Protein backbone atom coordinates (compact mmCIF):
# COMPACT_ATOMS: atom_id res chain seq x y z
CA MET A 1 -0.01 -0.03 0.00
CA GLY A 2 1.13 3.53 -0.83
CA LYS A 3 1.44 6.49 1.66
CA ILE A 4 -1.47 7.09 4.13
CA TYR A 5 -2.29 10.52 5.18
CA LEU A 6 -4.14 10.88 8.53
CA ASP A 7 -3.19 14.37 9.44
CA TYR A 8 -6.09 16.34 7.80
CA ALA A 9 -6.28 18.63 10.87
CA ALA A 10 -2.91 20.02 10.04
CA THR A 11 -3.72 20.62 6.37
CA THR A 12 -5.68 19.18 3.58
CA PRO A 13 -4.79 18.46 0.00
CA LEU A 14 -5.64 21.00 -2.52
CA ASP A 15 -8.83 19.91 -4.28
CA ARG A 16 -8.38 19.61 -8.09
CA GLY A 17 -11.53 21.79 -8.87
CA VAL A 18 -10.05 24.59 -6.48
CA LEU A 19 -6.74 24.39 -8.35
CA LYS A 20 -8.48 24.57 -11.76
CA ALA A 21 -10.34 27.69 -10.45
CA MET A 22 -7.05 29.36 -9.23
CA LEU A 23 -4.88 28.70 -12.26
CA PRO A 24 -6.11 31.61 -14.43
CA TYR A 25 -5.19 33.97 -11.60
CA LEU A 26 -1.75 32.56 -11.35
CA GLY A 27 -1.15 33.19 -14.95
CA GLN A 28 -2.96 35.36 -17.51
CA ARG A 29 -5.38 37.10 -15.15
CA TYR A 30 -2.71 38.74 -13.04
CA GLY A 31 -4.19 42.15 -12.48
CA ASN A 32 -4.21 43.96 -9.09
CA ALA A 33 -7.76 43.95 -7.70
CA SER A 34 -7.27 47.62 -6.79
CA SER A 35 -6.50 48.89 -10.30
CA LEU A 36 -9.29 50.62 -12.26
CA HIS A 37 -8.39 49.14 -15.73
CA ASN A 38 -9.77 45.94 -17.18
CA PHE A 39 -6.94 43.64 -15.76
CA GLY A 40 -7.67 44.99 -12.40
CA GLN A 41 -11.59 44.90 -12.52
CA GLU A 42 -11.21 41.21 -13.70
CA ALA A 43 -9.27 40.46 -10.60
CA ARG A 44 -11.72 42.62 -8.56
CA GLU A 45 -14.58 40.64 -9.81
CA ALA A 46 -13.09 37.45 -8.93
CA VAL A 47 -12.41 38.55 -5.29
CA GLU A 48 -15.96 39.75 -4.94
CA GLY A 49 -17.15 36.43 -6.26
CA ALA A 50 -15.30 34.56 -3.59
CA ARG A 51 -16.55 37.01 -0.87
CA TYR A 52 -20.24 36.19 -2.06
CA GLN A 53 -19.28 32.43 -1.68
CA ALA A 54 -18.07 32.88 1.83
CA ALA A 55 -21.05 35.04 2.85
CA LYS A 56 -23.45 32.47 1.43
CA PHE A 57 -21.68 29.85 3.51
CA LEU A 58 -21.84 31.86 6.69
CA ASN A 59 -25.31 33.27 6.00
CA CYS A 60 -24.15 36.83 6.22
CA SER A 61 -23.79 39.96 4.12
CA ILE A 62 -20.73 40.28 1.74
CA THR A 63 -19.94 43.58 3.52
CA GLU A 64 -19.22 41.41 6.64
CA ILE A 65 -16.42 39.28 5.04
CA PHE A 66 -12.91 40.30 5.17
CA PHE A 67 -9.96 38.40 3.53
CA THR A 68 -6.60 37.92 5.49
CA GLY A 69 -3.44 36.19 4.82
CA SER A 70 -4.13 33.22 7.20
CA ALA A 71 -6.44 32.07 9.98
CA THR A 72 -3.78 33.15 12.36
CA GLU A 73 -3.97 36.71 11.17
CA ALA A 74 -7.64 36.60 11.37
CA ASP A 75 -7.74 35.55 14.84
CA ASN A 76 -5.12 38.14 15.77
CA LEU A 77 -7.13 40.81 13.91
CA ALA A 78 -10.34 39.72 15.87
CA ILE A 79 -8.70 39.85 19.30
CA LEU A 80 -6.28 42.76 19.06
CA GLY A 81 -8.88 44.75 16.82
CA VAL A 82 -11.34 44.62 19.57
CA ILE A 83 -9.07 45.45 22.33
CA LYS A 84 -7.59 48.36 20.27
CA ASN A 85 -11.07 49.57 19.59
CA SER A 86 -12.09 49.40 23.37
CA LYS A 87 -8.98 51.56 24.21
CA LEU A 88 -10.53 54.48 22.10
CA GLU A 89 -13.38 54.51 24.44
CA THR A 90 -13.26 56.02 27.89
CA ARG A 91 -12.78 53.33 30.53
CA ASN A 92 -11.85 53.21 34.08
CA SER A 93 -10.34 49.82 34.14
CA LYS A 94 -8.40 47.40 31.89
CA PRO A 95 -10.39 45.64 29.26
CA HIS A 96 -11.31 41.91 30.30
CA ILE A 97 -10.94 39.08 27.85
CA ILE A 98 -12.58 35.52 28.42
CA THR A 99 -11.07 32.67 26.50
CA SER A 100 -10.54 28.89 27.29
CA VAL A 101 -7.35 26.97 28.19
CA ILE A 102 -7.62 24.71 25.12
CA GLU A 103 -7.63 27.54 22.43
CA HIS A 104 -5.35 27.61 19.48
CA PRO A 105 -2.06 29.43 19.91
CA ALA A 106 -3.26 32.14 17.43
CA VAL A 107 -5.83 33.01 20.23
CA LEU A 108 -3.90 32.31 23.26
CA GLU A 109 -0.65 33.93 22.43
CA PRO A 110 -1.85 37.57 21.64
CA ILE A 111 -3.97 37.40 24.84
CA LYS A 112 -1.13 36.22 26.96
CA ARG A 113 1.19 38.66 25.58
CA LEU A 114 -1.11 41.65 26.18
CA GLU A 115 -1.83 40.23 29.62
CA LYS A 116 1.95 40.06 30.38
CA LEU A 117 2.29 43.59 29.33
CA GLY A 118 -0.34 44.61 31.70
CA GLU A 119 -2.64 45.89 28.92
CA ILE A 120 -5.57 43.63 29.61
CA GLU A 121 -7.09 41.29 32.11
CA ALA A 122 -7.76 37.64 31.14
CA THR A 123 -9.76 34.66 32.38
CA TYR A 124 -8.92 31.23 30.96
CA LEU A 125 -12.06 29.08 31.34
CA PRO A 126 -11.09 25.30 32.48
CA VAL A 127 -12.46 22.26 30.69
CA GLY A 128 -13.45 18.79 32.16
CA LYS A 129 -11.90 15.55 30.93
CA GLU A 130 -13.98 15.73 27.91
CA GLY A 131 -12.63 18.94 26.84
CA ILE A 132 -15.82 21.05 26.65
CA VAL A 133 -16.20 24.51 28.11
CA LYS A 134 -19.41 24.93 30.41
CA VAL A 135 -21.71 27.73 29.55
CA GLU A 136 -22.22 28.54 33.25
CA ASP A 137 -18.42 29.06 33.45
CA VAL A 138 -18.75 31.74 30.89
CA GLU A 139 -21.64 33.33 32.80
CA LYS A 140 -19.52 33.29 36.04
CA ALA A 141 -16.49 34.84 34.38
CA ILE A 142 -18.42 37.90 33.09
CA LYS A 143 -17.18 41.24 34.69
CA PRO A 144 -18.28 44.84 34.27
CA ASN A 145 -15.02 45.45 32.06
CA THR A 146 -15.61 42.35 29.88
CA ILE A 147 -15.27 43.29 26.19
CA LEU A 148 -14.47 40.04 24.45
CA VAL A 149 -15.31 36.38 24.74
CA SER A 150 -13.31 34.01 22.37
CA ILE A 151 -14.20 30.32 22.45
CA MET A 152 -13.21 27.92 19.61
CA TYR A 153 -16.06 26.03 17.72
CA ALA A 154 -14.05 22.74 17.43
CA ASN A 155 -10.67 21.90 19.09
CA ASN A 156 -7.85 21.18 16.49
CA GLU A 157 -6.21 18.55 18.66
CA ILE A 158 -9.04 16.59 20.36
CA GLY A 159 -11.91 17.45 17.94
CA THR A 160 -14.38 18.29 20.87
CA ILE A 161 -17.30 20.65 19.76
CA GLN A 162 -18.01 23.49 21.92
CA PRO A 163 -21.51 24.87 22.77
CA ILE A 164 -21.05 27.97 20.72
CA SER A 165 -24.67 28.73 19.97
CA ASP A 166 -25.61 28.37 23.67
CA ILE A 167 -22.93 30.83 24.60
CA GLY A 168 -23.85 33.18 21.93
CA ASN A 169 -27.55 33.07 22.80
CA TRP A 170 -26.82 33.55 26.35
CA LEU A 171 -24.41 36.57 25.71
CA LYS A 172 -27.10 38.27 23.58
CA SER A 173 -30.19 37.52 25.90
CA LYS A 174 -28.77 37.80 29.41
CA ILE A 175 -26.41 40.57 29.48
CA LYS A 176 -28.44 43.79 29.79
CA ASN A 177 -26.82 45.67 32.52
CA GLN A 178 -23.46 45.76 30.73
CA LYS A 179 -22.32 49.31 29.86
CA SER A 180 -20.80 48.19 26.51
CA LYS A 181 -21.41 45.34 24.07
CA ILE A 182 -19.44 42.09 24.67
CA VAL A 183 -18.03 40.81 21.42
CA PHE A 184 -18.17 37.14 20.89
CA HIS A 185 -15.58 35.48 18.66
CA THR A 186 -15.20 31.90 17.52
CA ASP A 187 -12.31 30.21 15.69
CA ALA A 188 -14.28 27.81 13.30
CA VAL A 189 -11.27 26.65 11.31
CA GLN A 190 -11.70 23.03 12.06
CA ALA A 191 -15.56 23.23 12.29
CA ALA A 192 -15.99 24.48 8.64
CA ASN A 193 -16.06 21.07 6.83
CA TYR A 194 -18.44 19.43 9.30
CA LEU A 195 -20.66 21.86 11.37
CA ASP A 196 -23.20 24.35 10.80
CA CYS A 197 -21.46 27.66 10.59
CA ASP A 198 -24.63 29.88 10.11
CA VAL A 199 -23.40 33.07 12.18
CA LYS A 200 -26.97 34.00 12.98
CA LYS A 201 -27.62 30.60 14.68
CA LEU A 202 -24.31 30.68 16.45
CA GLY A 203 -24.85 34.09 17.82
CA VAL A 204 -21.22 35.22 17.09
CA ASP A 205 -19.83 38.67 16.23
CA LEU A 206 -16.55 37.44 14.80
CA LEU A 207 -15.65 34.13 13.17
CA THR A 208 -12.43 32.74 11.74
CA LEU A 209 -12.00 30.49 8.78
CA SER A 210 -8.90 29.10 6.89
CA GLY A 211 -8.41 28.09 3.37
CA HIS A 212 -6.04 25.10 3.67
CA LYS A 213 -8.24 23.33 6.23
CA ILE A 214 -11.10 22.91 3.59
CA TYR A 215 -9.10 21.69 0.58
CA GLY A 216 -8.20 25.13 -0.46
CA PRO A 217 -5.00 26.85 -0.64
CA LYS A 218 -2.62 27.91 2.01
CA GLY A 219 -2.02 31.66 2.78
CA VAL A 220 -5.66 32.84 3.00
CA GLY A 221 -8.18 33.28 5.78
CA VAL A 222 -11.52 34.93 6.49
CA LEU A 223 -12.69 37.08 9.25
CA TYR A 224 -16.57 37.55 9.60
CA VAL A 225 -17.27 40.84 11.31
CA LYS A 226 -20.93 41.32 12.24
CA LYS A 227 -22.33 44.56 11.06
CA GLY A 228 -22.23 47.02 13.99
CA THR A 229 -19.25 45.34 15.56
CA THR A 230 -16.43 47.84 15.49
CA ILE A 231 -12.65 46.72 15.46
CA GLU A 232 -9.46 48.51 14.48
CA PRO A 233 -6.96 47.26 12.11
CA ILE A 234 -3.51 45.91 13.26
CA LEU A 235 -1.86 46.58 9.82
CA PHE A 236 -1.72 49.82 7.98
CA GLY A 237 -0.69 50.86 4.49
CA GLY A 238 -3.65 50.69 2.13
CA HIS A 239 -7.34 50.73 1.68
CA GLN A 240 -7.94 47.09 0.84
CA GLU A 241 -10.70 45.04 2.65
CA ASN A 242 -12.37 48.38 3.61
CA SER A 243 -9.12 49.44 5.28
CA LEU A 244 -9.39 46.73 7.79
CA ARG A 245 -6.70 44.64 6.24
CA PRO A 246 -4.55 46.55 4.00
CA GLY A 247 -2.22 44.83 1.35
CA THR A 248 -2.63 43.74 -2.21
CA GLU A 249 -5.19 40.98 -2.38
CA ASN A 250 -3.86 37.42 -3.05
CA VAL A 251 -6.51 36.99 -5.73
CA ALA A 252 -5.76 33.29 -6.82
CA ALA A 253 -5.77 32.22 -3.00
CA ILE A 254 -8.94 34.14 -2.46
CA VAL A 255 -10.60 32.48 -5.50
CA GLY A 256 -9.35 29.23 -4.11
CA PHE A 257 -11.01 29.83 -0.80
CA GLY A 258 -14.22 30.65 -2.45
CA ALA A 259 -14.07 27.56 -4.48
CA ALA A 260 -13.21 25.42 -1.63
CA ILE A 261 -15.94 26.83 0.62
CA GLU A 262 -18.61 26.11 -2.14
CA GLN A 263 -17.36 22.40 -1.78
CA THR A 264 -17.97 22.02 1.99
CA LYS A 265 -21.59 21.01 1.41
CA ASN A 266 -20.19 17.78 -0.07
CA GLU A 267 -18.11 17.01 3.08
CA LYS A 268 -21.19 17.56 5.28
CA LEU A 269 -23.04 14.75 3.13
CA LYS A 270 -20.22 12.46 3.87
CA ILE A 271 -20.18 12.76 7.54
CA LYS A 272 -21.73 9.26 8.36
CA ASN A 273 -19.17 7.41 6.24
CA LEU A 274 -16.42 9.52 7.84
CA GLU A 275 -17.73 8.57 11.41
CA LYS A 276 -17.75 4.99 10.56
CA LEU A 277 -14.08 5.02 9.53
CA ARG A 278 -13.16 7.01 12.37
CA ASP A 279 -15.00 4.74 14.80
CA LYS A 280 -13.42 1.69 13.06
CA LEU A 281 -9.94 3.05 13.76
CA LEU A 282 -10.82 4.12 17.34
CA ASP A 283 -12.49 1.07 18.32
CA GLY A 284 -9.88 -1.18 16.56
CA ILE A 285 -7.11 0.54 18.67
CA LEU A 286 -8.82 0.54 21.95
CA LYS A 287 -9.72 -3.12 21.68
CA THR A 288 -6.47 -4.63 20.30
CA ILE A 289 -3.97 -2.56 21.95
CA PRO A 290 -3.84 -2.55 25.79
CA LYS A 291 -3.37 0.53 28.02
CA THR A 292 -4.81 2.98 25.50
CA SER A 293 -7.36 5.69 25.90
CA LEU A 294 -9.36 8.27 24.00
CA ASN A 295 -8.67 11.92 24.65
CA GLY A 296 -11.82 14.18 24.72
CA SER A 297 -15.53 13.40 24.38
CA ARG A 298 -16.59 10.49 22.40
CA GLU A 299 -19.95 11.91 21.55
CA ASN A 300 -19.19 15.72 21.15
CA ARG A 301 -16.40 15.54 18.68
CA LEU A 302 -15.63 16.09 15.04
CA PRO A 303 -16.30 13.08 12.78
CA ASN A 304 -12.76 12.91 11.59
CA ASN A 305 -10.81 13.12 14.86
CA ALA A 306 -9.37 10.29 17.03
CA ASN A 307 -6.82 11.42 19.51
CA ILE A 308 -5.41 8.54 21.52
CA SER A 309 -2.92 8.10 24.44
CA PHE A 310 -0.56 5.17 24.40
CA SER A 311 0.62 4.37 27.77
CA GLY A 312 4.44 3.49 28.19
CA VAL A 313 5.72 5.03 24.87
CA GLU A 314 6.50 8.44 23.47
CA GLY A 315 4.31 9.99 20.89
CA GLU A 316 7.16 11.10 18.79
CA SER A 317 8.41 7.53 18.53
CA ILE A 318 5.02 6.38 17.37
CA LEU A 319 4.99 9.17 14.83
CA MET A 320 8.37 8.40 13.44
CA ALA A 321 7.73 4.74 13.33
CA LEU A 322 4.31 5.10 11.71
CA ASP A 323 6.01 7.57 9.13
CA GLN A 324 8.51 4.65 8.23
CA LYS A 325 5.56 2.64 7.52
CA GLY A 326 4.19 5.25 5.20
CA VAL A 327 1.52 6.60 7.63
CA ALA A 328 1.34 10.33 8.44
CA VAL A 329 -0.05 11.27 11.81
CA SER A 330 0.49 14.04 14.41
CA THR A 331 1.37 14.22 17.99
CA GLY A 332 -0.83 17.23 18.44
CA SER A 333 -1.25 20.62 16.78
CA ALA A 334 1.02 21.13 13.73
CA CYS A 335 1.55 24.64 14.94
CA ALA A 336 3.39 23.45 18.11
CA SER A 337 5.20 20.41 16.55
CA GLY A 338 8.53 22.03 17.27
CA SER A 339 7.92 22.32 20.91
CA LEU A 340 9.10 19.73 23.45
CA GLU A 341 6.46 20.89 26.02
CA PRO A 342 3.34 18.58 26.32
CA SER A 343 0.24 19.61 24.70
CA HIS A 344 -1.67 22.46 26.59
CA VAL A 345 -4.98 21.05 25.55
CA LEU A 346 -4.12 17.49 26.82
CA MET A 347 -2.86 18.81 30.09
CA ALA A 348 -6.00 20.65 30.46
CA LEU A 349 -7.93 17.59 30.25
CA GLY A 350 -6.01 16.34 33.41
CA LEU A 351 -3.58 14.13 31.64
CA SER A 352 -0.11 13.54 33.14
CA HIS A 353 3.03 14.68 31.26
CA GLN A 354 3.61 11.01 30.28
CA GLN A 355 0.14 10.48 28.98
CA ALA A 356 0.33 13.73 27.03
CA HIS A 357 3.61 12.93 25.64
CA GLY A 358 2.30 9.46 24.58
CA SER A 359 -0.65 10.80 22.51
CA ILE A 360 -1.16 10.59 18.81
CA ARG A 361 -3.92 12.52 16.70
CA PHE A 362 -5.29 10.69 13.85
CA THR A 363 -7.39 12.82 11.51
CA LEU A 364 -9.26 11.58 8.61
CA GLY A 365 -10.47 13.32 5.55
CA ARG A 366 -11.97 13.18 2.12
CA TYR A 367 -9.67 10.60 0.60
CA THR A 368 -9.29 8.20 3.46
CA THR A 369 -10.44 4.59 2.71
CA LYS A 370 -11.38 1.58 4.64
CA ASP A 371 -8.36 -0.24 3.28
CA GLU A 372 -6.13 2.48 4.72
CA ILE A 373 -7.78 2.20 8.12
CA ASN A 374 -7.37 -1.55 7.91
CA HIS A 375 -3.68 -1.22 7.24
CA VAL A 376 -3.09 1.10 10.01
CA LEU A 377 -4.88 -1.36 12.39
CA LYS A 378 -2.70 -4.19 11.11
CA VAL A 379 0.63 -2.47 11.60
CA LEU A 380 0.07 -0.53 14.74
CA PRO A 381 -0.31 -3.26 17.47
CA GLU A 382 3.12 -4.72 16.61
CA LEU A 383 4.66 -1.29 16.39
CA ILE A 384 3.27 -0.13 19.82
CA GLN A 385 4.56 -3.58 21.35
CA ARG A 386 7.98 -3.13 19.97
CA LEU A 387 8.28 0.57 21.10
CA ARG A 388 7.15 -0.38 24.58
CA LYS A 389 9.81 -2.90 24.91
CA ILE A 390 12.60 -0.45 24.19
CA SER A 391 10.79 2.75 25.79
CA PRO A 392 12.54 4.39 28.88
CA LEU A 393 8.96 5.09 29.95
CA LYS A 394 8.03 1.47 30.76
């Protein structure tokens, strides 16, 4: 059997139809979308077409869609933009941010940095062993100076799905004595392929998407900004994206994003089959390999995610051994793959350092087959047994 890719949460392969849509804008249609001549207007039409596709997916207005260079940039723009805007208003205290301990680094790092600089207060909500934030914890964390709540829709490491619509509805209906609006942001990067991202149902003011997680290109993200939600730019130097995100638009990547987001409806139709493959892998590992456990909720998780701890062996050893067998997996978030620290997400579930270091993330996708899952289940038990015999952790 050829190479097997089980790391779709890190990135997805570029869809052929998406590539076909992009190619003209990598070649003969090379105009700057801000130019007034025919070349530029051709590019502008393509950008606005993709904006319409994104707005249709989120059930919002095209004026609420802003293209960025990545989801990380969109997350930073959402968080830093809200904070910068709050400082333009008269306040007697530091702005207060609420987030969770299992957020993506693109959310956690800007918050922690500003907290360290003494510019904001921050509350990091805990999660239980299933990795889910409680709505009541959000309620308890609200302060008079709270300006932003940022909770991810689905976790990139353990795949757990958060009660975003419950939080959004509570924020909109219950907080009436707040002097200023509390902005609600969600990172929906991992959710887009499988969950309902209708922003009206979710009750969010800001939402982040990524191109390369939905079989689109790398180097493009989207930030939804609800009408009436004021945020300040974090980059300066141009009028593009209504002056919120200056810089010449990456037309080909934006077109690719639009084409990819159009195809997400096909992914949602295949959820049942994907769940069957995921459960086959998960049950096969838990039943045939002793001292293994699932990380995160079994029920409230993405249909393509299986994060498993293997006691007595290091995750990096499993990853490299599987790679030699032609199987690509991850030990956690690809964004933190260079770190020797245990996953902050797994530690938040209450795992020990050893359990966290012995965890592997299997994420399936559009091209995963039953034969590939069978092959992994065939080679993995012997591989784990061999690694445990030579592991210093035994």
